[in-house]
């Protein structure tokens, strides 16, 4: 495209320069005729024409005709042309013909004056430049054709890599990835995006397989217990209530799975609003203080004021509640639990830590997986989905979760993007939180 643009520009310059050269020659001829027209007598006019022809060459030729049309002066060999400026072929004194421009004027003395300029130099320059343009055009066309062939070959080769990877995935091989170079070009950028999409799909498929396996495994015990209690209906006191409790447990399991799926589906982002995270965490901590104190634990919180994030009230509330509930359930009585909220650059840093027994390094890597429960937690209430929901909620808010060793105990740190300076935003009513936690601790 740039080559074609340069060619058009060069053609424009060529035609403008050609017109300029012809215009300059025409002005020179007109000026010469004007000078000679001022000669007052025939003798002076003849002498001036002869002087100019015999003097240093100015590139002009002359012819003077009497009123009868007979040439009486000048070296131009031609018949009297029509009056005015015109292009014609002129023959010089040596008998050579040239392309030229001539101006024919009728003088006051009754004579006809013809002044002509040789345009052969201009014409030669024009044709030489035209040949150069033709050669350049042919070279440009050949270069464009070769460039198009090379580009088509390159595009086909790069697209074949993506096509081959997509075909392998269709065939069931989800391990393959598009080869990319660093830093690479637009195709490498597209390949990286494609690979990230494949990683996400592979992760979802692996997660689906794990969820299916874990659901089957975790439902096995409640179903067996449910069958056993069903056999005791009408025979053992309290069997009906135990059946209802097991049913509630299974419903809670499915509700937690559906909640995680809803969060990971991305639909919750539509309900995001500015949230005063500082006020929300303070209310969550205050709501957890009575049950933790009753269980023999202690809780303290240190919250930096006026931290605002873009998020969902209920989901952020459940995130904090799950963190505190996880510390309450999986630590022995007398544990000190600490909730902290601060800022670090453009991030809000929310952490919950305890001084309990903590978890092993191997278990810490799996704490955020669905249905994972450490061996030390097998006898405690829960289904292994609390921290999975925390991780899903953090990702939905553009954040991330990290598990750290508090030495002693466990620290769970959540980084969330901060909205900025506090502005007008809605705060969750205390009555709503009170109702939420009243149901939570039933």
Protein backbone atom coordinates (compact mmCIF):
# COMPACT_ATOMS: atom_id res chain seq x y z
CA UNK A 1 0.00 0.00 0.00
CA UNK A 2 2.84 2.40 0.80
CA UNK A 3 4.47 1.59 -2.55
CA UNK A 4 1.28 2.45 -4.44
CA UNK A 5 0.98 5.67 -2.50
CA UNK A 6 4.54 6.66 -3.41
CA UNK A 7 3.83 5.83 -7.06
CA UNK A 8 0.74 8.07 -7.13
CA UNK A 9 2.71 10.85 -5.45
CA UNK A 10 5.53 10.52 -7.98
CA UNK A 11 3.06 10.65 -10.89
CA UNK A 12 1.54 13.81 -9.46
CA UNK A 13 4.99 15.38 -9.11
CA UNK A 14 5.83 14.34 -12.69
CA UNK A 15 2.74 15.98 -14.23
CA UNK A 16 3.16 19.11 -12.14
CA UNK A 17 6.83 19.42 -13.13
CA UNK A 18 5.98 18.84 -16.82
CA UNK A 19 3.30 21.54 -16.71
CA UNK A 20 5.71 23.87 -14.93
CA UNK A 21 8.42 23.43 -17.59
CA UNK A 22 5.96 24.10 -20.42
CA UNK A 23 4.59 27.10 -18.56
CA UNK A 24 8.11 28.49 -18.13
CA UNK A 25 8.84 28.06 -21.86
CA UNK A 26 5.55 29.74 -22.79
CA UNK A 27 6.29 32.73 -20.56
CA UNK A 28 9.73 33.07 -22.10
CA UNK A 29 8.25 33.08 -25.65
CA UNK A 30 5.54 35.59 -24.69
CA UNK A 31 8.12 37.91 -23.14
CA UNK A 32 10.30 37.68 -26.25
CA UNK A 33 7.39 38.59 -28.53
CA UNK A 34 6.52 41.52 -26.27
CA UNK A 35 10.10 42.82 -26.44
CA UNK A 36 10.27 42.61 -30.24
CA UNK A 37 6.81 44.15 -30.65
CA UNK A 38 8.14 47.41 -29.25
CA UNK A 39 10.59 47.93 -32.12
CA UNK A 40 9.36 51.07 -33.91
CA UNK A 41 10.62 50.43 -37.45
CA UNK A 42 11.04 47.54 -39.84
CA UNK A 43 14.81 48.01 -39.99
CA UNK A 44 15.22 47.95 -36.24
CA UNK A 45 13.01 44.85 -36.00
CA UNK A 46 15.10 43.03 -38.62
CA UNK A 47 18.32 44.07 -36.96
CA UNK A 48 17.09 42.89 -33.55
CA UNK A 49 15.98 39.49 -34.90
CA UNK A 50 19.32 39.01 -36.68
CA UNK A 51 21.22 40.06 -33.57
CA UNK A 52 19.41 37.56 -31.40
CA UNK A 53 19.86 34.69 -33.87
CA UNK A 54 23.58 35.38 -34.30
CA UNK A 55 24.23 36.13 -30.65
CA UNK A 56 24.49 33.69 -27.69
CA UNK A 57 21.72 31.12 -28.07
CA UNK A 58 18.62 31.63 -25.98
CA UNK A 59 16.95 28.49 -27.35
CA UNK A 60 14.46 30.50 -29.46
CA UNK A 61 13.90 30.66 -33.20
CA UNK A 62 12.35 33.50 -35.22
CA UNK A 63 10.46 34.16 -38.44
CA UNK A 64 9.12 37.47 -39.78
CA UNK A 65 6.56 37.60 -42.59
CA UNK A 66 5.46 40.60 -44.61
CA UNK A 67 1.78 41.38 -45.17
CA UNK A 68 1.85 39.12 -48.28
CA UNK A 69 2.97 36.10 -46.23
CA UNK A 70 6.56 36.08 -47.54
CA UNK A 71 9.29 35.39 -45.00
CA UNK A 72 11.70 38.31 -44.83
CA UNK A 73 13.75 37.39 -41.72
CA UNK A 74 14.49 34.55 -39.34
CA UNK A 75 15.82 31.03 -39.59
CA UNK A 76 12.56 29.22 -38.94
CA UNK A 77 11.46 27.22 -41.97
CA UNK A 78 7.65 27.21 -41.90
CA UNK A 79 4.60 28.81 -43.38
CA UNK A 80 2.80 31.48 -41.37
CA UNK A 81 0.87 29.60 -38.65
CA UNK A 82 -2.43 30.80 -37.16
CA UNK A 83 -2.24 33.62 -34.65
CA UNK A 84 -1.75 32.56 -31.04
CA UNK A 85 0.23 30.07 -28.95
CA UNK A 86 0.38 26.52 -30.26
CA UNK A 87 2.46 23.35 -30.36
CA UNK A 88 3.93 22.46 -33.76
CA UNK A 89 6.85 20.84 -35.47
CA UNK A 90 9.53 23.32 -36.44
CA UNK A 91 12.51 22.98 -38.76
CA UNK A 92 15.68 24.80 -37.78
CA UNK A 93 18.36 26.22 -40.09
CA UNK A 94 20.08 22.83 -40.28
CA UNK A 95 16.90 21.19 -41.57
CA UNK A 96 16.23 19.22 -38.38
CA UNK A 97 12.64 18.95 -37.17
CA UNK A 98 11.77 19.40 -33.53
CA UNK A 99 8.67 19.55 -31.41
CA UNK A 100 8.20 23.08 -30.25
CA UNK A 101 5.96 25.81 -28.97
CA UNK A 102 5.37 28.92 -31.08
CA UNK A 103 3.59 32.22 -30.60
CA UNK A 104 2.35 34.00 -33.74
CA UNK A 105 1.56 37.72 -33.42
CA UNK A 106 0.44 40.38 -35.92
CA UNK A 107 2.53 43.52 -35.41
CA UNK A 108 1.35 47.10 -35.89
CA UNK A 109 3.63 47.48 -38.92
CA UNK A 110 1.53 44.82 -40.69
CA UNK A 111 4.11 42.12 -40.31
CA UNK A 112 3.60 38.70 -38.71
CA UNK A 113 6.14 37.64 -36.09
CA UNK A 114 6.66 34.03 -35.09
CA UNK A 115 8.81 33.16 -32.05
CA UNK A 116 9.28 29.42 -31.37
CA UNK A 117 11.02 27.47 -28.64
CA UNK A 118 12.42 23.99 -28.99
CA UNK A 119 10.51 21.59 -26.70
CA UNK A 120 12.50 18.50 -27.63
CA UNK A 121 14.48 18.64 -24.37
CA UNK A 122 11.30 18.77 -22.35
CA UNK A 123 9.80 15.91 -24.37
CA UNK A 124 12.95 13.79 -23.94
CA UNK A 125 12.88 14.41 -20.21
CA UNK A 126 9.19 13.50 -20.11
CA UNK A 127 9.70 10.20 -21.91
CA UNK A 128 12.74 9.32 -19.84
CA UNK A 129 10.80 9.91 -16.63
CA UNK A 130 7.83 8.00 -18.09
CA UNK A 131 10.09 5.01 -18.79
CA UNK A 132 11.37 5.18 -15.23
CA UNK A 133 7.81 5.18 -13.96
CA UNK A 134 6.90 2.19 -16.11
CA UNK A 135 9.92 0.28 -14.82
CA UNK A 136 9.05 1.28 -11.24
CA UNK A 137 5.44 0.19 -11.79
CA UNK A 138 6.50 -3.20 -13.13
CA UNK A 139 8.93 -3.62 -10.23
CA UNK A 140 6.21 -2.61 -7.77
CA UNK A 141 3.74 -5.07 -9.28
CA UNK A 142 6.30 -7.86 -9.18
CA UNK A 143 7.28 -6.94 -5.63
CA UNK A 144 3.63 -6.82 -4.56
CA UNK A 145 2.97 -10.20 -6.15
CA UNK A 146 5.98 -11.77 -4.43
CA UNK A 147 5.02 -10.08 -1.14
CA UNK A 148 1.45 -11.35 -1.41
CA UNK A 149 2.67 -14.88 -2.09
CA UNK A 150 5.05 -14.76 0.87
CA UNK A 151 2.37 -13.26 3.12
CA UNK A 152 -0.17 -15.86 2.02
CA UNK A 153 2.34 -18.63 2.70
CA UNK A 154 3.10 -17.18 6.14
CA UNK A 155 -0.57 -16.75 7.02
CA UNK A 156 -1.39 -20.27 5.85
CA UNK A 157 1.49 -21.71 7.88
CA UNK A 158 0.47 -19.85 11.05
CA UNK A 159 -3.23 -20.62 10.64
CA UNK A 160 -2.41 -24.28 9.99
CA UNK A 161 -0.85 -24.45 13.48
CA UNK A 162 -4.03 -23.11 15.07
CA UNK A 163 -6.19 -25.36 12.90
CA UNK A 164 -4.10 -28.42 13.79
CA UNK A 165 -4.39 -27.65 17.51
CA UNK A 166 -8.16 -27.11 17.22
CA UNK A 167 -8.55 -30.36 15.26
CA UNK A 168 -6.57 -32.25 17.91
CA UNK A 169 -8.84 -30.84 20.62
CA UNK A 170 -11.92 -31.85 18.64
CA UNK A 171 -10.44 -35.35 18.47
CA UNK A 172 -10.16 -35.43 22.26
CA UNK A 173 -6.55 -34.33 22.81
CA UNK A 174 -6.93 -31.37 25.17
CA UNK A 175 -3.23 -31.34 26.06
CA UNK A 176 -2.06 -29.79 22.76
CA UNK A 177 -1.36 -26.07 22.58
CA UNK A 178 -0.66 -23.57 19.81
CA UNK A 179 3.13 -22.99 19.41
CA UNK A 180 4.00 -19.35 20.17
CA UNK A 181 7.16 -17.28 20.04
CA UNK A 182 8.36 -14.59 22.42
CA UNK A 183 7.66 -11.73 21.90
CA UNK A 184 6.19 -12.79 18.55
CA UNK A 185 3.55 -11.05 16.43
CA UNK A 186 -0.24 -10.76 16.37
CA UNK A 187 -0.61 -14.48 15.64
CA UNK A 188 1.49 -15.30 18.70
CA UNK A 189 -0.68 -12.96 20.79
CA UNK A 190 -3.78 -14.72 19.45
CA UNK A 191 -2.11 -18.07 20.13
CA UNK A 192 -1.43 -17.12 23.74
CA UNK A 193 -5.05 -16.08 24.19
CA UNK A 194 -6.16 -19.34 22.55
CA UNK A 195 -3.88 -21.31 24.89
CA UNK A 196 -5.24 -19.47 27.93
CA UNK A 197 -8.74 -20.35 26.79
CA UNK A 198 -7.69 -23.99 26.42
CA UNK A 199 -6.14 -23.94 29.88
CA UNK A 200 -9.38 -22.57 31.27
CA UNK A 201 -11.44 -25.19 29.44
CA UNK A 202 -9.09 -27.97 30.58
CA UNK A 203 -9.33 -26.68 34.15
CA UNK A 204 -13.12 -26.61 34.00
CA UNK A 205 -13.23 -30.14 32.58
CA UNK A 206 -10.85 -31.39 35.25
CA UNK A 207 -12.90 -29.58 37.87
CA UNK A 208 -16.08 -31.12 36.49
CA UNK A 209 -14.58 -34.58 36.66
CA UNK A 210 -13.39 -33.93 40.19
CA UNK A 211 -16.77 -32.53 41.24
CA UNK A 212 -18.59 -35.53 39.77
CA UNK A 213 -16.26 -37.91 41.57
CA UNK A 214 -16.40 -35.95 44.84
CA UNK A 215 -20.19 -35.63 44.74
CA UNK A 216 -20.50 -39.38 44.27
CA UNK A 217 -18.05 -39.96 47.10
CA UNK A 218 -19.54 -37.39 49.50
CA UNK A 219 -23.12 -38.40 48.84
CA UNK A 220 -22.39 -42.06 49.44
CA UNK A 221 -22.20 -41.75 53.24
CA UNK A 222 -25.34 -39.56 53.66
CA UNK A 223 -27.29 -41.87 51.38
CA UNK A 224 -26.17 -44.94 53.32
CA UNK A 225 -27.08 -43.23 56.58
CA UNK A 226 -30.41 -42.16 55.08
CA UNK A 227 -31.20 -45.74 54.05
CA UNK A 228 -30.27 -47.03 57.50
CA UNK A 229 -32.45 -44.48 59.23
CA UNK A 230 -35.29 -45.19 56.80
CA UNK A 231 -35.23 -48.85 57.85
CA UNK A 232 -35.60 -47.72 61.47
CA UNK A 233 -38.63 -45.54 60.88
CA UNK A 234 -41.38 -46.58 63.27
CA UNK A 235 -38.97 -48.82 65.16
CA UNK A 236 -36.46 -46.46 66.76
CA UNK A 237 -37.28 -43.19 68.50
CA UNK A 238 -35.87 -40.12 66.74
CA UNK A 239 -35.35 -41.89 63.41
CA UNK A 240 -37.71 -39.47 61.66
CA UNK A 241 -35.72 -36.44 62.86
CA UNK A 242 -32.42 -38.03 61.83
CA UNK A 243 -33.84 -38.65 58.33
CA UNK A 244 -34.81 -35.00 58.12
CA UNK A 245 -31.36 -33.89 59.35
CA UNK A 246 -29.62 -36.03 56.73
CA UNK A 247 -31.94 -34.60 54.05
CA UNK A 248 -31.11 -31.08 55.17
CA UNK A 249 -27.42 -31.92 55.05
CA UNK A 250 -27.74 -33.15 51.46
CA UNK A 251 -29.73 -30.05 50.48
CA UNK A 252 -27.05 -27.81 51.99
CA UNK A 253 -24.43 -29.71 49.99
CA UNK A 254 -26.28 -29.17 46.72
CA UNK A 255 -27.01 -25.53 47.60
CA UNK A 256 -23.28 -24.91 48.17
CA UNK A 257 -22.41 -26.57 44.84
CA UNK A 258 -24.99 -24.49 43.00
CA UNK A 259 -23.79 -21.30 44.69
CA UNK A 260 -20.21 -21.94 43.58
CA UNK A 261 -21.39 -22.69 40.04
CA UNK A 262 -23.40 -19.45 40.03
CA UNK A 263 -20.40 -17.42 41.17
CA UNK A 264 -18.02 -19.05 38.70
CA UNK A 265 -20.54 -18.54 35.89
CA UNK A 266 -19.92 -14.78 36.02
CA UNK A 267 -23.55 -13.70 36.43
CA UNK A 268 -22.91 -12.08 39.82
CA UNK A 269 -20.89 -9.29 38.18
CA UNK A 270 -24.12 -7.75 36.94
CA UNK A 271 -25.08 -7.00 40.55
CA UNK A 272 -21.79 -5.32 41.49
CA UNK A 273 -22.02 -1.96 43.23
CA UNK A 274 -19.59 0.15 45.29
CA UNK A 275 -19.32 -1.54 48.71
CA UNK A 276 -17.86 -0.04 51.88
CA UNK A 277 -15.73 -3.07 52.67
CA UNK A 278 -14.47 -1.53 55.91
CA UNK A 279 -17.98 -1.13 57.32
CA UNK A 280 -19.03 -4.56 56.06
CA UNK A 281 -16.03 -6.36 57.65
CA UNK A 282 -16.60 -4.55 60.95
CA UNK A 283 -20.21 -5.76 61.06
CA UNK A 284 -19.20 -9.31 60.12
CA UNK A 285 -16.58 -9.37 62.88
CA UNK A 286 -19.02 -7.96 65.44
CA UNK A 287 -21.64 -10.53 64.42
CA UNK A 288 -19.18 -13.40 64.91
CA UNK A 289 -17.91 -12.23 68.29
CA UNK A 290 -20.78 -13.70 70.44
CA UNK A 291 -20.72 -17.27 69.04
CA UNK A 292 -16.91 -17.36 69.06
CA UNK A 293 -16.86 -16.18 72.68
CA UNK A 294 -19.45 -18.80 73.60
CA UNK A 295 -17.21 -21.46 72.00
CA UNK A 296 -14.25 -20.33 74.14
CA UNK A 297 -12.43 -18.57 71.27
CA UNK A 298 -11.44 -14.91 71.00
CA UNK A 299 -11.64 -12.61 68.02
CA UNK A 300 -10.06 -9.25 67.35
CA UNK A 301 -10.14 -7.12 64.23
CA UNK A 302 -8.11 -4.29 62.82
CA UNK A 303 -9.84 -2.56 59.92
CA UNK A 304 -8.59 0.42 57.96
CA UNK A 305 -11.50 2.81 57.34
CA UNK A 306 -12.99 3.92 54.01
CA UNK A 307 -11.89 0.99 51.85
CA UNK A 308 -14.32 0.69 48.96
CA UNK A 309 -14.50 -2.12 46.42
CA UNK A 310 -16.80 -2.94 43.53
CA UNK A 311 -18.71 -6.06 44.46
CA UNK A 312 -21.76 -7.96 45.61
CA UNK A 313 -22.81 -7.36 49.24
CA UNK A 314 -24.07 -10.84 49.91
CA UNK A 315 -21.12 -12.57 48.27
CA UNK A 316 -18.55 -10.48 50.13
CA UNK A 317 -20.42 -11.12 53.37
CA UNK A 318 -20.44 -14.86 52.74
CA UNK A 319 -16.73 -14.73 51.84
CA UNK A 320 -15.81 -13.17 55.19
CA UNK A 321 -18.26 -15.41 57.10
CA UNK A 322 -16.81 -18.56 55.52
CA UNK A 323 -13.29 -17.49 56.50
CA UNK A 324 -14.28 -16.88 60.14
CA UNK A 325 -16.46 -20.00 60.26
CA UNK A 326 -13.57 -22.06 58.88
CA UNK A 327 -11.33 -20.77 61.68
CA UNK A 328 -14.06 -21.44 64.27
CA UNK A 329 -14.80 -25.02 63.18
CA UNK A 330 -11.28 -26.30 62.49
CA UNK A 331 -9.48 -24.98 65.58
CA UNK A 332 -9.69 -26.12 69.22
CA UNK A 333 -11.39 -24.03 71.94
CA UNK A 334 -9.32 -21.11 73.19
CA UNK A 335 -8.03 -20.19 69.73
CA UNK A 336 -7.34 -16.53 69.02
CA UNK A 337 -8.74 -15.42 65.65
CA UNK A 338 -7.77 -12.15 63.99
CA UNK A 339 -9.42 -10.37 61.05
CA UNK A 340 -7.49 -7.55 59.35
CA UNK A 341 -8.30 -5.24 56.45
CA UNK A 342 -5.77 -2.80 55.01
CA UNK A 343 -4.65 -1.36 51.70
CA UNK A 344 -1.51 -2.10 49.75
CA UNK A 345 -1.23 0.09 46.66
CA UNK A 346 -4.40 -0.36 44.62
CA UNK A 347 -5.39 -3.53 46.49
CA UNK A 348 -7.51 -4.19 49.55
CA UNK A 349 -5.84 -6.87 51.71
CA UNK A 350 -8.29 -8.95 53.76
CA UNK A 351 -6.83 -11.62 56.04
CA UNK A 352 -8.12 -14.03 58.65
CA UNK A 353 -5.59 -15.88 60.78
CA UNK A 354 -5.58 -18.03 63.89
CA UNK A 355 -3.04 -19.52 66.26
CA UNK A 356 -4.44 -23.04 65.97
CA UNK A 357 -2.65 -26.18 64.75
CA UNK A 358 -2.60 -25.03 61.13
CA UNK A 359 -2.29 -27.45 58.19
CA UNK A 360 0.55 -29.26 56.52
CA UNK A 361 2.24 -27.78 53.44
CA UNK A 362 0.74 -30.52 51.27
CA UNK A 363 -2.79 -29.88 52.59
CA UNK A 364 -2.39 -26.09 52.20
CA UNK A 365 -2.04 -26.54 48.43
CA UNK A 366 -5.41 -28.32 48.28
CA UNK A 367 -7.47 -26.27 50.75
CA UNK A 368 -9.24 -24.33 47.99
CA UNK A 369 -10.27 -27.41 46.04
CA UNK A 370 -13.88 -28.52 46.22
CA UNK A 371 -14.72 -31.16 48.82
CA UNK A 372 -11.14 -31.28 50.11
CA UNK A 373 -10.90 -31.97 53.83
CA UNK A 374 -7.68 -32.55 55.70
CA UNK A 375 -7.45 -35.75 57.72
CA UNK A 376 -7.59 -33.77 60.96
CA UNK A 377 -10.94 -32.24 59.87
CA UNK A 378 -12.76 -35.42 58.88
CA UNK A 379 -14.65 -35.52 62.18
CA UNK A 380 -15.72 -31.85 62.12
CA UNK A 381 -18.91 -30.53 60.51
CA UNK A 382 -18.76 -29.34 56.92
CA UNK A 383 -18.57 -30.55 53.37
CA UNK A 384 -15.27 -29.07 52.12
CA UNK A 385 -16.91 -26.34 50.05
CA UNK A 386 -16.52 -23.29 52.31
CA UNK A 387 -13.06 -22.23 51.10
CA UNK A 388 -13.92 -23.23 47.53
CA UNK A 389 -16.69 -20.64 47.64
CA UNK A 390 -14.21 -18.12 49.11
CA UNK A 391 -11.85 -18.70 46.18
CA UNK A 392 -14.69 -18.45 43.64
CA UNK A 393 -15.98 -15.22 45.21
CA UNK A 394 -12.49 -13.69 45.24
CA UNK A 395 -11.97 -14.54 41.56
CA UNK A 396 -15.40 -13.09 40.70
CA UNK A 397 -14.27 -9.81 42.27
CA UNK A 398 -10.98 -9.81 40.34
CA UNK A 399 -9.01 -10.94 43.41
CA UNK A 400 -6.90 -13.86 44.50
CA UNK A 401 -6.52 -16.06 47.58
CA UNK A 402 -3.30 -17.28 49.17
CA UNK A 403 -2.77 -19.73 52.03
CA UNK A 404 0.06 -18.86 54.42
CA UNK A 405 1.62 -20.33 57.54
CA UNK A 406 0.93 -18.00 60.49
CA UNK A 407 3.49 -19.82 62.71
CA UNK A 408 1.53 -21.03 64.57
CA UNK A 409 -1.78 -21.38 62.88
CA UNK A 410 -3.11 -20.55 59.45
CA UNK A 411 -3.51 -17.28 57.58
CA UNK A 412 -5.80 -16.88 54.57
CA UNK A 413 -5.08 -13.69 52.63
CA UNK A 414 -7.40 -12.23 49.99
CA UNK A 415 -6.35 -9.44 47.62
CA UNK A 416 -9.17 -7.44 46.05
CA UNK A 417 -8.96 -4.48 43.64
CA UNK A 418 -9.83 -1.25 45.42
CA UNK A 419 -12.40 1.10 43.86
CA UNK A 420 -10.76 4.33 45.00
CA UNK A 421 -11.78 7.18 47.23
CA UNK A 422 -15.05 6.76 49.15
CA UNK A 423 -18.08 8.18 47.37
CA UNK A 424 -21.81 7.77 47.50
CA UNK A 425 -22.55 4.07 47.87
CA UNK A 426 -25.03 1.81 49.53
CA UNK A 427 -24.27 0.11 52.81
CA UNK A 428 -25.85 -3.21 53.77
CA UNK A 429 -28.49 -2.60 56.46
CA UNK A 430 -27.54 -3.94 59.86
CA UNK A 431 -30.89 -5.72 60.03
CA UNK A 432 -30.00 -7.67 56.89
CA UNK A 433 -26.66 -8.80 58.37
CA UNK A 434 -28.29 -9.60 61.70
CA UNK A 435 -30.81 -11.82 59.94
CA UNK A 436 -28.08 -13.43 57.87
CA UNK A 437 -25.94 -14.38 60.85
CA UNK A 438 -28.92 -15.39 62.98
CA UNK A 439 -29.66 -18.00 60.31
CA UNK A 440 -25.95 -18.83 59.98
CA UNK A 441 -25.44 -19.79 63.63
CA UNK A 442 -28.75 -21.68 64.11
